[in-house]
Amino acid sequence: MSSAIYLKFDTPIQLTDWMSFCATSGIEHNPRVVGQNVFYKYGDTSYRDDVEIHFGNPIPDAPRLQSGSLDLARVSPEPEAKEIRVSTYWMGNLDGVADVAKRILSIWPTHNIECAPELESLM
């Protein structure tokens, strides 16, 4: 079970702007996660502290090596996204989810926010 905040934007967020935001926010891209559009703000003590961020939709045709394996060195999310999902598993780091969502909204405001009930009071 995950607790998530869905942010939907009228104007797409460019990947270059998103990557700059990630660099200054301690958020890292992890191409090994299914979909290859997943970023993490890693927690301090365990995976339950991690905040997972999906930038747009999963990559439909991620680059592959001749062997058929993913070419992780060339995997990159799509160049823009109109939706970002910020989540944590088993209600592990609700404060972290809200913090990341608020940071995103401070740069890219939206009026279309969907929150899991356990996150509403934190937003």
PDB file of N, CA and C in Angstrom:
ATOM      1  N   MET A   1       0.840  -1.169   0.000  1.00  0.00           N
ATOM      2  CA  MET A   1       0.000   0.000   0.000  1.00  0.00           C
ATOM      3  C   MET A   1       0.888   1.237   0.000  1.00  0.00           C
ATOM      4  N   SER A   2       0.540   2.188  -0.835  1.00  0.00           N
ATOM      5  CA  SER A   2       1.305   3.426  -0.832  1.00  0.00           C
ATOM      6  C   SER A   2       0.387   4.602  -0.537  1.00  0.00           C
ATOM      7  N   SER A   3       0.980   5.644  -0.022  1.00  0.00           N
ATOM      8  CA  SER A   3       0.286   6.906   0.217  1.00  0.00           C
ATOM      9  C   SER A   3       0.847   7.892  -0.785  1.00  0.00           C
ATOM     10  N   ALA A   4      -0.034   8.536  -1.566  1.00  0.00           N
ATOM     11  CA  ALA A   4       0.467   9.351  -2.667  1.00  0.00           C
ATOM     12  C   ALA A   4      -0.267  10.683  -2.782  1.00  0.00           C
ATOM     13  N   ILE A   5       0.461  11.614  -3.395  1.00  0.00           N
ATOM     14  CA  ILE A   5      -0.085  12.897  -3.816  1.00  0.00           C
ATOM     15  C   ILE A   5       0.130  12.974  -5.322  1.00  0.00           C
ATOM     16  N   TYR A   6      -0.944  13.254  -6.046  1.00  0.00           N
ATOM     17  CA  TYR A   6      -0.888  13.388  -7.499  1.00  0.00           C
ATOM     18  C   TYR A   6      -0.977  14.871  -7.851  1.00  0.00           C
ATOM     19  N   LEU A   7       0.001  15.352  -8.597  1.00  0.00           N
ATOM     20  CA  LEU A   7       0.045  16.745  -9.026  1.00  0.00           C
ATOM     21  C   LEU A   7      -0.103  16.774 -10.538  1.00  0.00           C
ATOM     22  N   LYS A   8      -1.106  17.490 -11.032  1.00  0.00           N
ATOM     23  CA  LYS A   8      -1.336  17.584 -12.475  1.00  0.00           C
ATOM     24  C   LYS A   8      -1.204  19.040 -12.894  1.00  0.00           C
ATOM     25  N   PHE A   9      -0.451  19.264 -13.966  1.00  0.00           N
ATOM     26  CA  PHE A   9      -0.104  20.611 -14.406  1.00  0.00           C
ATOM     27  C   PHE A   9      -0.684  20.907 -15.779  1.00  0.00           C
ATOM     28  N   ASP A  10      -1.135  22.147 -15.994  1.00  0.00           N
ATOM     29  CA  ASP A  10      -1.643  22.559 -17.302  1.00  0.00           C
ATOM     30  C   ASP A  10      -0.496  22.706 -18.302  1.00  0.00           C
ATOM     31  N   THR A  11       0.613  23.248 -17.825  1.00  0.00           N
ATOM     32  CA  THR A  11       1.798  23.436 -18.659  1.00  0.00           C
ATOM     33  C   THR A  11       2.820  22.365 -18.294  1.00  0.00           C
ATOM     34  N   PRO A  12       3.334  21.630 -19.265  1.00  0.00           N
ATOM     35  CA  PRO A  12       4.296  20.574 -18.950  1.00  0.00           C
ATOM     36  C   PRO A  12       5.562  21.105 -18.279  1.00  0.00           C
ATOM     37  N   ILE A  13       6.102  20.305 -17.395  1.00  0.00           N
ATOM     38  CA  ILE A  13       7.394  20.600 -16.763  1.00  0.00           C
ATOM     39  C   ILE A  13       8.468  19.969 -17.644  1.00  0.00           C
ATOM     40  N   GLN A  14       9.446  20.760 -18.006  1.00  0.00           N
ATOM     41  CA  GLN A  14      10.528  20.278 -18.863  1.00  0.00           C
ATOM     42  C   GLN A  14      11.507  19.441 -18.036  1.00  0.00           C
ATOM     43  N   LEU A  15      12.007  18.374 -18.633  1.00  0.00           N
ATOM     44  CA  LEU A  15      12.942  17.489 -17.946  1.00  0.00           C
ATOM     45  C   LEU A  15      14.189  18.244 -17.488  1.00  0.00           C
ATOM     46  N   THR A  16      14.678  19.187 -18.286  1.00  0.00           N
ATOM     47  CA  THR A  16      15.879  19.943 -17.890  1.00  0.00           C
ATOM     48  C   THR A  16      15.611  20.749 -16.613  1.00  0.00           C
ATOM     49  N   ASP A  17      14.435  21.364 -16.524  1.00  0.00           N
ATOM     50  CA  ASP A  17      14.081  22.105 -15.310  1.00  0.00           C
ATOM     51  C   ASP A  17      13.901  21.159 -14.133  1.00  0.00           C
ATOM     52  N   TRP A  18      13.284  20.009 -14.388  1.00  0.00           N
ATOM     53  CA  TRP A  18      13.063  19.012 -13.346  1.00  0.00           C
ATOM     54  C   TRP A  18      14.403  18.499 -12.798  1.00  0.00           C
ATOM     55  N   MET A  19      15.353  18.226 -13.686  1.00  0.00           N
ATOM     56  CA  MET A  19      16.652  17.714 -13.252  1.00  0.00           C
ATOM     57  C   MET A  19      17.398  18.751 -12.408  1.00  0.00           C
ATOM     58  N   SER A  20      17.261  20.034 -12.739  1.00  0.00           N
ATOM     59  CA  SER A  20      17.875  21.094 -11.921  1.00  0.00           C
ATOM     60  C   SER A  20      17.246  21.109 -10.534  1.00  0.00           C
ATOM     61  N   PHE A  21      15.922  21.004 -10.480  1.00  0.00           N
ATOM     62  CA  PHE A  21      15.216  20.937  -9.204  1.00  0.00           C
ATOM     63  C   PHE A  21      15.703  19.741  -8.386  1.00  0.00           C
ATOM     64  N   CYS A  22      15.831  18.587  -9.024  1.00  0.00           N
ATOM     65  CA  CYS A  22      16.279  17.384  -8.326  1.00  0.00           C
ATOM     66  C   CYS A  22      17.681  17.555  -7.762  1.00  0.00           C
ATOM     67  N   ALA A  23      18.559  18.156  -8.535  1.00  0.00           N
ATOM     68  CA  ALA A  23      19.952  18.344  -8.102  1.00  0.00           C
ATOM     69  C   ALA A  23      20.033  19.194  -6.842  1.00  0.00           C
ATOM     70  N   THR A  24      19.153  20.171  -6.718  1.00  0.00           N
ATOM     71  CA  THR A  24      19.197  21.049  -5.543  1.00  0.00           C
ATOM     72  C   THR A  24      18.323  20.538  -4.397  1.00  0.00           C
ATOM     73  N   SER A  25      17.584  19.448  -4.633  1.00  0.00           N
ATOM     74  CA  SER A  25      16.666  18.923  -3.615  1.00  0.00           C
ATOM     75  C   SER A  25      17.057  17.538  -3.096  1.00  0.00           C
ATOM     76  N   GLY A  26      18.198  17.040  -3.532  1.00  0.00           N
ATOM     77  CA  GLY A  26      18.635  15.727  -3.063  1.00  0.00           C
ATOM     78  C   GLY A  26      17.802  14.584  -3.620  1.00  0.00           C
ATOM     79  N   ILE A  27      17.291  14.757  -4.830  1.00  0.00           N
ATOM     80  CA  ILE A  27      16.455  13.734  -5.474  1.00  0.00           C
ATOM     81  C   ILE A  27      17.254  13.115  -6.614  1.00  0.00           C
ATOM     82  N   GLU A  28      17.221  11.775  -6.696  1.00  0.00           N
ATOM     83  CA  GLU A  28      18.021  11.054  -7.683  1.00  0.00           C
ATOM     84  C   GLU A  28      17.146  10.212  -8.602  1.00  0.00           C
ATOM     85  N   HIS A  29      17.515  10.174  -9.878  1.00  0.00           N
ATOM     86  CA  HIS A  29      16.841   9.303 -10.845  1.00  0.00           C
ATOM     87  C   HIS A  29      17.333   7.877 -10.638  1.00  0.00           C
ATOM     88  N   ASN A  30      16.410   6.912 -10.695  1.00  0.00           N
ATOM     89  CA  ASN A  30      16.778   5.505 -10.590  1.00  0.00           C
ATOM     90  C   ASN A  30      16.234   4.772 -11.810  1.00  0.00           C
ATOM     91  N   PRO A  31      17.055   4.581 -12.858  1.00  0.00           N
ATOM     92  CA  PRO A  31      16.574   3.947 -14.080  1.00  0.00           C
ATOM     93  C   PRO A  31      16.267   2.465 -13.917  1.00  0.00           C
ATOM     94  N   ARG A  32      16.638   1.863 -12.798  1.00  0.00           N
ATOM     95  CA  ARG A  32      16.415   0.434 -12.589  1.00  0.00           C
ATOM     96  C   ARG A  32      14.976   0.102 -12.186  1.00  0.00           C
ATOM     97  N   VAL A  33      14.207   1.108 -11.829  1.00  0.00           N
ATOM     98  CA  VAL A  33      12.834   0.889 -11.398  1.00  0.00           C
ATOM     99  C   VAL A  33      11.941   0.769 -12.628  1.00  0.00           C
ATOM    100  N   VAL A  34      11.021  -0.168 -12.608  1.00  0.00           N
ATOM    101  CA  VAL A  34      10.114  -0.381 -13.730  1.00  0.00           C
ATOM    102  C   VAL A  34       9.458   0.942 -14.117  1.00  0.00           C
ATOM    103  N   GLY A  35       9.472   1.242 -15.392  1.00  0.00           N
ATOM    104  CA  GLY A  35       8.915   2.483 -15.914  1.00  0.00           C
ATOM    105  C   GLY A  35      10.000   3.476 -16.271  1.00  0.00           C
ATOM    106  N   GLN A  36      11.136   3.392 -15.619  1.00  0.00           N
ATOM    107  CA  GLN A  36      12.305   4.229 -15.863  1.00  0.00           C
ATOM    108  C   GLN A  36      12.032   5.726 -15.735  1.00  0.00           C
ATOM    109  N   ASN A  37      10.925   6.112 -15.104  1.00  0.00           N
ATOM    110  CA  ASN A  37      10.617   7.530 -14.890  1.00  0.00           C
ATOM    111  C   ASN A  37      10.599   7.857 -13.400  1.00  0.00           C
ATOM    112  N   VAL A  38      11.285   7.029 -12.595  1.00  0.00           N
ATOM    113  CA  VAL A  38      11.188   7.107 -11.144  1.00  0.00           C
ATOM    114  C   VAL A  38      12.430   7.776 -10.550  1.00  0.00           C
ATOM    115  N   PHE A  39      12.153   8.673  -9.603  1.00  0.00           N
ATOM    116  CA  PHE A  39      13.186   9.380  -8.856  1.00  0.00           C
ATOM    117  C   PHE A  39      12.969   9.087  -7.380  1.00  0.00           C
ATOM    118  N   TYR A  40      14.043   9.196  -6.579  1.00  0.00           N
ATOM    119  CA  TYR A  40      13.940   8.967  -5.139  1.00  0.00           C
ATOM    120  C   TYR A  40      14.597  10.088  -4.350  1.00  0.00           C
ATOM    121  N   LYS A  41      13.974  10.434  -3.263  1.00  0.00           N
ATOM    122  CA  LYS A  41      14.619  11.202  -2.208  1.00  0.00           C
ATOM    123  C   LYS A  41      14.818  10.164  -1.123  1.00  0.00           C
ATOM    124  N   TYR A  42      16.042   9.666  -1.012  1.00  0.00           N
ATOM    125  CA  TYR A  42      16.319   8.546  -0.115  1.00  0.00           C
ATOM    126  C   TYR A  42      16.276   8.984   1.342  1.00  0.00           C
ATOM    127  N   GLY A  43      15.680   8.128   2.164  1.00  0.00           N
ATOM    128  CA  GLY A  43      15.581   8.385   3.594  1.00  0.00           C
ATOM    129  C   GLY A  43      16.894   8.128   4.310  1.00  0.00           C
ATOM    130  N   ASP A  44      16.909   8.506   5.564  1.00  0.00           N
ATOM    131  CA  ASP A  44      18.141   8.396   6.348  1.00  0.00           C
ATOM    132  C   ASP A  44      18.373   7.014   6.942  1.00  0.00           C
ATOM    133  N   THR A  45      17.302   6.313   7.292  1.00  0.00           N
ATOM    134  CA  THR A  45      17.506   5.088   8.059  1.00  0.00           C
ATOM    135  C   THR A  45      17.092   3.809   7.341  1.00  0.00           C
ATOM    136  N   SER A  46      16.028   3.833   6.567  1.00  0.00           N
ATOM    137  CA  SER A  46      15.591   2.615   5.886  1.00  0.00           C
ATOM    138  C   SER A  46      14.791   2.968   4.651  1.00  0.00           C
ATOM    139  N   TYR A  47      14.487   1.952   3.856  1.00  0.00           N
ATOM    140  CA  TYR A  47      13.700   2.188   2.645  1.00  0.00           C
ATOM    141  C   TYR A  47      12.325   2.762   2.972  1.00  0.00           C
ATOM    142  N   ARG A  48      11.855   2.567   4.193  1.00  0.00           N
ATOM    143  CA  ARG A  48      10.549   3.118   4.576  1.00  0.00           C
ATOM    144  C   ARG A  48      10.584   4.637   4.673  1.00  0.00           C
ATOM    145  N   ASP A  49      11.762   5.213   4.733  1.00  0.00           N
ATOM    146  CA  ASP A  49      11.894   6.671   4.765  1.00  0.00           C
ATOM    147  C   ASP A  49      11.987   7.272   3.360  1.00  0.00           C
ATOM    148  N   ASP A  50      12.122   6.417   2.341  1.00  0.00           N
ATOM    149  CA  ASP A  50      12.275   6.907   0.977  1.00  0.00           C
ATOM    150  C   ASP A  50      10.986   7.554   0.480  1.00  0.00           C
ATOM    151  N   VAL A  51      11.161   8.573  -0.352  1.00  0.00           N
ATOM    152  CA  VAL A  51      10.042   9.189  -1.056  1.00  0.00           C
ATOM    153  C   VAL A  51      10.270   8.894  -2.537  1.00  0.00           C
ATOM    154  N   GLU A  52       9.247   8.319  -3.173  1.00  0.00           N
ATOM    155  CA  GLU A  52       9.324   7.952  -4.580  1.00  0.00           C
ATOM    156  C   GLU A  52       8.565   8.981  -5.410  1.00  0.00           C
ATOM    157  N   ILE A  53       9.182   9.429  -6.490  1.00  0.00           N
ATOM    158  CA  ILE A  53       8.572  10.453  -7.332  1.00  0.00           C
ATOM    159  C   ILE A  53       8.548   9.943  -8.773  1.00  0.00           C
ATOM    160  N   HIS A  54       7.360   9.900  -9.356  1.00  0.00           N
ATOM    161  CA  HIS A  54       7.209   9.494 -10.757  1.00  0.00           C
ATOM    162  C   HIS A  54       7.061  10.754 -11.598  1.00  0.00           C
ATOM    163  N   PHE A  55       7.972  10.954 -12.529  1.00  0.00           N
ATOM    164  CA  PHE A  55       7.946  12.099 -13.430  1.00  0.00           C
ATOM    165  C   PHE A  55       7.230  11.691 -14.708  1.00  0.00           C
ATOM    166  N   GLY A  56       5.972  12.054 -14.822  1.00  0.00           N
ATOM    167  CA  GLY A  56       5.197  11.712 -16.013  1.00  0.00           C
ATOM    168  C   GLY A  56       4.868  10.239 -16.084  1.00  0.00           C
ATOM    169  N   ASN A  57       4.765   9.764 -17.304  1.00  0.00           N
ATOM    170  CA  ASN A  57       4.375   8.381 -17.557  1.00  0.00           C
ATOM    171  C   ASN A  57       5.592   7.489 -17.711  1.00  0.00           C
ATOM    172  N   PRO A  58       5.405   6.170 -17.517  1.00  0.00           N
ATOM    173  CA  PRO A  58       6.515   5.244 -17.779  1.00  0.00           C
ATOM    174  C   PRO A  58       7.002   5.386 -19.221  1.00  0.00           C
ATOM    175  N   ILE A  59       8.273   5.111 -19.426  1.00  0.00           N
ATOM    176  CA  ILE A  59       8.865   5.193 -20.761  1.00  0.00           C
ATOM    177  C   ILE A  59       8.399   3.974 -21.548  1.00  0.00           C
ATOM    178  N   PRO A  60       7.709   4.179 -22.669  1.00  0.00           N
ATOM    179  CA  PRO A  60       7.162   3.039 -23.396  1.00  0.00           C
ATOM    180  C   PRO A  60       8.228   2.176 -24.067  1.00  0.00           C
ATOM    181  N   ASP A  61       9.274   2.787 -24.595  1.00  0.00           N
ATOM    182  CA  ASP A  61      10.308   2.044 -25.314  1.00  0.00           C
ATOM    183  C   ASP A  61      11.683   2.440 -24.804  1.00  0.00           C
ATOM    184  N   ALA A  62      12.021   1.978 -23.621  1.00  0.00           N
ATOM    185  CA  ALA A  62      13.333   2.295 -23.058  1.00  0.00           C
ATOM    186  C   ALA A  62      14.416   1.659 -23.931  1.00  0.00           C
ATOM    187  N   PRO A  63      15.561   2.337 -24.074  1.00  0.00           N
ATOM    188  CA  PRO A  63      16.634   1.799 -24.921  1.00  0.00           C
ATOM    189  C   PRO A  63      17.159   0.470 -24.384  1.00  0.00           C
ATOM    190  N   ARG A  64      17.486  -0.408 -25.301  1.00  0.00           N
ATOM    191  CA  ARG A  64      17.952  -1.753 -24.926  1.00  0.00           C
ATOM    192  C   ARG A  64      19.300  -2.058 -25.578  1.00  0.00           C
ATOM    193  N   LEU A  65      20.037  -2.961 -24.924  1.00  0.00           N
ATOM    194  CA  LEU A  65      21.288  -3.474 -25.470  1.00  0.00           C
ATOM    195  C   LEU A  65      20.959  -4.580 -26.466  1.00  0.00           C
ATOM    196  N   GLN A  66      21.957  -5.039 -27.209  1.00  0.00           N
ATOM    197  CA  GLN A  66      21.735  -6.125 -28.166  1.00  0.00           C
ATOM    198  C   GLN A  66      21.210  -7.379 -27.479  1.00  0.00           C
ATOM    199  N   SER A  67      21.595  -7.576 -26.228  1.00  0.00           N
ATOM    200  CA  SER A  67      21.160  -8.758 -25.485  1.00  0.00           C
ATOM    201  C   SER A  67      19.681  -8.689 -25.097  1.00  0.00           C
ATOM    202  N   GLY A  68      19.076  -7.493 -25.234  1.00  0.00           N
ATOM    203  CA  GLY A  68      17.684  -7.321 -24.843  1.00  0.00           C
ATOM    204  C   GLY A  68      17.522  -6.666 -23.482  1.00  0.00           C
ATOM    205  N   SER A  69      18.597  -6.566 -22.713  1.00  0.00           N
ATOM    206  CA  SER A  69      18.556  -5.911 -21.404  1.00  0.00           C
ATOM    207  C   SER A  69      18.425  -4.403 -21.582  1.00  0.00           C
ATOM    208  N   LEU A  70      17.899  -3.745 -20.559  1.00  0.00           N
ATOM    209  CA  LEU A  70      17.819  -2.283 -20.605  1.00  0.00           C
ATOM    210  C   LEU A  70      19.215  -1.683 -20.665  1.00  0.00           C
ATOM    211  N   ASP A  71      19.370  -0.651 -21.452  1.00  0.00           N
ATOM    212  CA  ASP A  71      20.624   0.093 -21.515  1.00  0.00           C
ATOM    213  C   ASP A  71      20.530   1.209 -20.477  1.00  0.00           C
ATOM    214  N   LEU A  72      20.877   0.888 -19.236  1.00  0.00           N
ATOM    215  CA  LEU A  72      20.699   1.815 -18.120  1.00  0.00           C
ATOM    216  C   LEU A  72      21.481   3.108 -18.289  1.00  0.00           C
ATOM    217  N   ALA A  73      22.557   3.080 -19.043  1.00  0.00           N
ATOM    218  CA  ALA A  73      23.353   4.290 -19.258  1.00  0.00           C
ATOM    219  C   ALA A  73      22.617   5.292 -20.147  1.00  0.00           C
ATOM    220  N   ARG A  74      21.657   4.815 -20.931  1.00  0.00           N
ATOM    221  CA  ARG A  74      20.933   5.712 -21.855  1.00  0.00           C
ATOM    222  C   ARG A  74      19.485   5.940 -21.459  1.00  0.00           C
ATOM    223  N   VAL A  75      19.037   5.335 -20.380  1.00  0.00           N
ATOM    224  CA  VAL A  75      17.640   5.500 -19.962  1.00  0.00           C
ATOM    225  C   VAL A  75      17.436   6.903 -19.412  1.00  0.00           C
ATOM    226  N   SER A  76      16.391   7.551 -19.883  1.00  0.00           N
ATOM    227  CA  SER A  76      16.044   8.883 -19.406  1.00  0.00           C
ATOM    228  C   SER A  76      14.533   9.034 -19.473  1.00  0.00           C
ATOM    229  N   PRO A  77      13.949   9.722 -18.507  1.00  0.00           N
ATOM    230  CA  PRO A  77      12.509   9.972 -18.591  1.00  0.00           C
ATOM    231  C   PRO A  77      12.178  10.784 -19.842  1.00  0.00           C
ATOM    232  N   GLU A  78      10.901  10.860 -20.151  1.00  0.00           N
ATOM    233  CA  GLU A  78      10.466  11.645 -21.302  1.00  0.00           C
ATOM    234  C   GLU A  78      10.830  13.114 -21.094  1.00  0.00           C
ATOM    235  N   PRO A  79      10.929  13.900 -22.172  1.00  0.00           N
ATOM    236  CA  PRO A  79      11.424  15.276 -22.067  1.00  0.00           C
ATOM    237  C   PRO A  79      10.519  16.246 -21.321  1.00  0.00           C
ATOM    238  N   GLU A  80       9.276  15.854 -21.046  1.00  0.00           N
ATOM    239  CA  GLU A  80       8.385  16.717 -20.272  1.00  0.00           C
ATOM    240  C   GLU A  80       7.310  15.868 -19.616  1.00  0.00           C
ATOM    241  N   ALA A  81       6.690  16.449 -18.587  1.00  0.00           N
ATOM    242  CA  ALA A  81       5.633  15.730 -17.869  1.00  0.00           C
ATOM    243  C   ALA A  81       4.559  16.710 -17.433  1.00  0.00           C
ATOM    244  N   LYS A  82       3.317  16.243 -17.477  1.00  0.00           N
ATOM    245  CA  LYS A  82       2.196  17.057 -17.001  1.00  0.00           C
ATOM    246  C   LYS A  82       1.634  16.492 -15.696  1.00  0.00           C
ATOM    247  N   GLU A  83       2.219  15.400 -15.225  1.00  0.00           N
ATOM    248  CA  GLU A  83       1.772  14.799 -13.970  1.00  0.00           C
ATOM    249  C   GLU A  83       2.974  14.270 -13.197  1.00  0.00           C
ATOM    250  N   ILE A  84       2.951  14.502 -11.895  1.00  0.00           N
ATOM    251  CA  ILE A  84       3.989  13.976 -11.005  1.00  0.00           C
ATOM    252  C   ILE A  84       3.286  13.315  -9.828  1.00  0.00           C
ATOM    253  N   ARG A  85       3.740  12.122  -9.491  1.00  0.00           N
ATOM    254  CA  ARG A  85       3.199  11.421  -8.324  1.00  0.00           C
ATOM    255  C   ARG A  85       4.303  11.321  -7.280  1.00  0.00           C
ATOM    256  N   VAL A  86       3.993  11.726  -6.057  1.00  0.00           N
ATOM    257  CA  VAL A  86       4.938  11.671  -4.939  1.00  0.00           C
ATOM    258  C   VAL A  86       4.347  10.694  -3.932  1.00  0.00           C
ATOM    259  N   SER A  87       5.123   9.675  -3.539  1.00  0.00           N
ATOM    260  CA  SER A  87       4.538   8.643  -2.674  1.00  0.00           C
ATOM    261  C   SER A  87       5.560   8.011  -1.744  1.00  0.00           C
ATOM    262  N   THR A  88       5.032   7.254  -0.785  1.00  0.00           N
ATOM    263  CA  THR A  88       5.830   6.443   0.127  1.00  0.00           C
ATOM    264  C   THR A  88       5.060   5.160   0.385  1.00  0.00           C
ATOM    265  N   TYR A  89       5.747   4.112   0.777  1.00  0.00           N
ATOM    266  CA  TYR A  89       5.097   2.829   1.032  1.00  0.00           C
ATOM    267  C   TYR A  89       4.756   2.648   2.497  1.00  0.00           C
ATOM    268  N   TRP A  90       3.636   2.033   2.744  1.00  0.00           N
ATOM    269  CA  TRP A  90       3.200   1.681   4.088  1.00  0.00           C
ATOM    270  C   TRP A  90       3.214   2.881   5.026  1.00  0.00           C
ATOM    271  N   MET A  91       2.841   4.051   4.503  1.00  0.00           N
ATOM    272  CA  MET A  91       2.802   5.298   5.266  1.00  0.00           C
ATOM    273  C   MET A  91       4.127   5.566   5.974  1.00  0.00           C
ATOM    274  N   GLY A  92       5.229   5.173   5.318  1.00  0.00           N
ATOM    275  CA  GLY A  92       6.549   5.259   5.925  1.00  0.00           C
ATOM    276  C   GLY A  92       7.063   6.658   6.178  1.00  0.00           C
ATOM    277  N   ASN A  93       6.844   7.582   5.257  1.00  0.00           N
ATOM    278  CA  ASN A  93       7.402   8.926   5.415  1.00  0.00           C
ATOM    279  C   ASN A  93       6.406   9.950   4.864  1.00  0.00           C
ATOM    280  N   LEU A  94       5.302  10.092   5.534  1.00  0.00           N
ATOM    281  CA  LEU A  94       4.258  11.014   5.083  1.00  0.00           C
ATOM    282  C   LEU A  94       4.760  12.456   5.073  1.00  0.00           C
ATOM    283  N   ASP A  95       5.535  12.828   6.090  1.00  0.00           N
ATOM    284  CA  ASP A  95       6.080  14.191   6.136  1.00  0.00           C
ATOM    285  C   ASP A  95       7.000  14.446   4.949  1.00  0.00           C
ATOM    286  N   GLY A  96       7.791  13.442   4.585  1.00  0.00           N
ATOM    287  CA  GLY A  96       8.689  13.577   3.438  1.00  0.00           C
ATOM    288  C   GLY A  96       7.931  13.753   2.136  1.00  0.00           C
ATOM    289  N   VAL A  97       6.837  13.012   1.963  1.00  0.00           N
ATOM    290  CA  VAL A  97       6.006  13.138   0.766  1.00  0.00           C
ATOM    291  C   VAL A  97       5.439  14.553   0.677  1.00  0.00           C
ATOM    292  N   ALA A  98       4.875  15.026   1.773  1.00  0.00           N
ATOM    293  CA  ALA A  98       4.296  16.373   1.792  1.00  0.00           C
ATOM    294  C   ALA A  98       5.372  17.428   1.527  1.00  0.00           C
ATOM    295  N   ASP A  99       6.558  17.255   2.107  1.00  0.00           N
ATOM    296  CA  ASP A  99       7.646  18.216   1.912  1.00  0.00           C
ATOM    297  C   ASP A  99       8.052  18.293   0.442  1.00  0.00           C
ATOM    298  N   VAL A 100       8.244  17.136  -0.199  1.00  0.00           N
ATOM    299  CA  VAL A 100       8.635  17.130  -1.608  1.00  0.00           C
ATOM    300  C   VAL A 100       7.532  17.746  -2.465  1.00  0.00           C
ATOM    301  N   ALA A 101       6.279  17.381  -2.205  1.00  0.00           N
ATOM    302  CA  ALA A 101       5.160  17.942  -2.975  1.00  0.00           C
ATOM    303  C   ALA A 101       5.100  19.459  -2.822  1.00  0.00           C
ATOM    304  N   LYS A 102       5.297  19.956  -1.606  1.00  0.00           N
ATOM    305  CA  LYS A 102       5.272  21.409  -1.382  1.00  0.00           C
ATOM    306  C   LYS A 102       6.416  22.106  -2.110  1.00  0.00           C
ATOM    307  N   ARG A 103       7.591  21.477  -2.145  1.00  0.00           N
ATOM    308  CA  ARG A 103       8.721  22.066  -2.874  1.00  0.00           C
ATOM    309  C   ARG A 103       8.413  22.147  -4.368  1.00  0.00           C
ATOM    310  N   ILE A 104       7.820  21.082  -4.900  1.00  0.00           N
ATOM    311  CA  ILE A 104       7.446  21.078  -6.317  1.00  0.00           C
ATOM    312  C   ILE A 104       6.448  22.196  -6.582  1.00  0.00           C
ATOM    313  N   LEU A 105       5.438  22.297  -5.713  1.00  0.00           N
ATOM    314  CA  LEU A 105       4.389  23.299  -5.911  1.00  0.00           C
ATOM    315  C   LEU A 105       4.892  24.730  -5.732  1.00  0.00           C
ATOM    316  N   SER A 106       5.989  24.910  -5.001  1.00  0.00           N
ATOM    317  CA  SER A 106       6.540  26.262  -4.844  1.00  0.00           C
ATOM    318  C   SER A 106       7.152  26.771  -6.152  1.00  0.00           C
ATOM    319  N   ILE A 107       7.488  25.851  -7.047  1.00  0.00           N
ATOM    320  CA  ILE A 107       8.071  26.227  -8.335  1.00  0.00           C
ATOM    321  C   ILE A 107       7.047  26.119  -9.463  1.00  0.00           C
ATOM    322  N   TRP A 108       6.262  25.037  -9.431  1.00  0.00           N
ATOM    323  CA  TRP A 108       5.273  24.775 -10.477  1.00  0.00           C
ATOM    324  C   TRP A 108       3.892  24.656  -9.838  1.00  0.00           C
ATOM    325  N   PRO A 109       3.210  25.760  -9.624  1.00  0.00           N
ATOM    326  CA  PRO A 109       1.904  25.698  -8.955  1.00  0.00           C
ATOM    327  C   PRO A 109       0.844  25.005  -9.817  1.00  0.00           C
ATOM    328  N   THR A 110      -0.091  24.366  -9.142  1.00  0.00           N
ATOM    329  CA  THR A 110      -1.224  23.730  -9.809  1.00  0.00           C
ATOM    330  C   THR A 110      -2.432  23.795  -8.891  1.00  0.00           C
ATOM    331  N   HIS A 111      -3.591  23.705  -9.474  1.00  0.00           N
ATOM    332  CA  HIS A 111      -4.818  23.650  -8.684  1.00  0.00           C
ATOM    333  C   HIS A 111      -5.406  22.249  -8.704  1.00  0.00           C
ATOM    334  N   ASN A 112      -4.703  21.325  -9.348  1.00  0.00           N
ATOM    335  CA  ASN A 112      -5.214  19.970  -9.467  1.00  0.00           C
ATOM    336  C   ASN A 112      -4.341  19.028  -8.636  1.00  0.00           C
ATOM    337  N   ILE A 113      -4.717  18.859  -7.383  1.00  0.00           N
ATOM    338  CA  ILE A 113      -3.975  18.021  -6.441  1.00  0.00           C
ATOM    339  C   ILE A 113      -4.922  16.961  -5.894  1.00  0.00           C
ATOM    340  N   GLU A 114      -4.481  15.709  -5.948  1.00  0.00           N
ATOM    341  CA  GLU A 114      -5.240  14.617  -5.336  1.00  0.00           C
ATOM    342  C   GLU A 114      -4.350  14.001  -4.263  1.00  0.00           C
ATOM    343  N   CYS A 115      -4.872  13.936  -3.046  1.00  0.00           N
ATOM    344  CA  CYS A 115      -4.110  13.403  -1.908  1.00  0.00           C
ATOM    345  C   CYS A 115      -4.782  12.186  -1.322  1.00  0.00           C
ATOM    346  N   ALA A 116      -3.973  11.253  -0.859  1.00  0.00           N
ATOM    347  CA  ALA A 116      -4.496  10.179  -0.025  1.00  0.00           C
ATOM    348  C   ALA A 116      -4.996  10.832   1.270  1.00  0.00           C
ATOM    349  N   PRO A 117      -6.042  10.295   1.882  1.00  0.00           N
ATOM    350  CA  PRO A 117      -6.616  10.915   3.082  1.00  0.00           C
ATOM    351  C   PRO A 117      -5.587  11.181   4.185  1.00  0.00           C
ATOM    352  N   GLU A 118      -4.632  10.281   4.351  1.00  0.00           N
ATOM    353  CA  GLU A 118      -3.642  10.442   5.426  1.00  0.00           C
ATOM    354  C   GLU A 118      -2.663  11.578   5.146  1.00  0.00           C
ATOM    355  N   LEU A 119      -2.659  12.127   3.929  1.00  0.00           N
ATOM    356  CA  LEU A 119      -1.748  13.214   3.577  1.00  0.00           C
ATOM    357  C   LEU A 119      -2.438  14.579   3.535  1.00  0.00           C
ATOM    358  N   GLU A 120      -3.745  14.604   3.510  1.00  0.00           N
ATOM    359  CA  GLU A 120      -4.473  15.870   3.348  1.00  0.00           C
ATOM    360  C   GLU A 120      -4.130  16.904   4.405  1.00  0.00           C
ATOM    361  N   SER A 121      -4.009  16.501   5.652  1.00  0.00           N
ATOM    362  CA  SER A 121      -3.736  17.469   6.724  1.00  0.00           C
ATOM    363  C   SER A 121      -2.304  18.005   6.669  1.00  0.00           C
ATOM    364  N   LEU A 122      -1.418  17.312   5.964  1.00  0.00           N
ATOM    365  CA  LEU A 122      -0.012  17.740   5.849  1.00  0.00           C
ATOM    366  C   LEU A 122       0.209  18.729   4.719  1.00  0.00           C
ATOM    367  N   MET A 123      -0.775  18.838   3.837  1.00  0.00           N
ATOM    368  CA  MET A 123      -0.647  19.740   2.688  1.00  0.00           C
ATOM    369  C   MET A 123      -1.277  21.081   3.026  1.00  0.00           C
TER     370      MET A 123
END
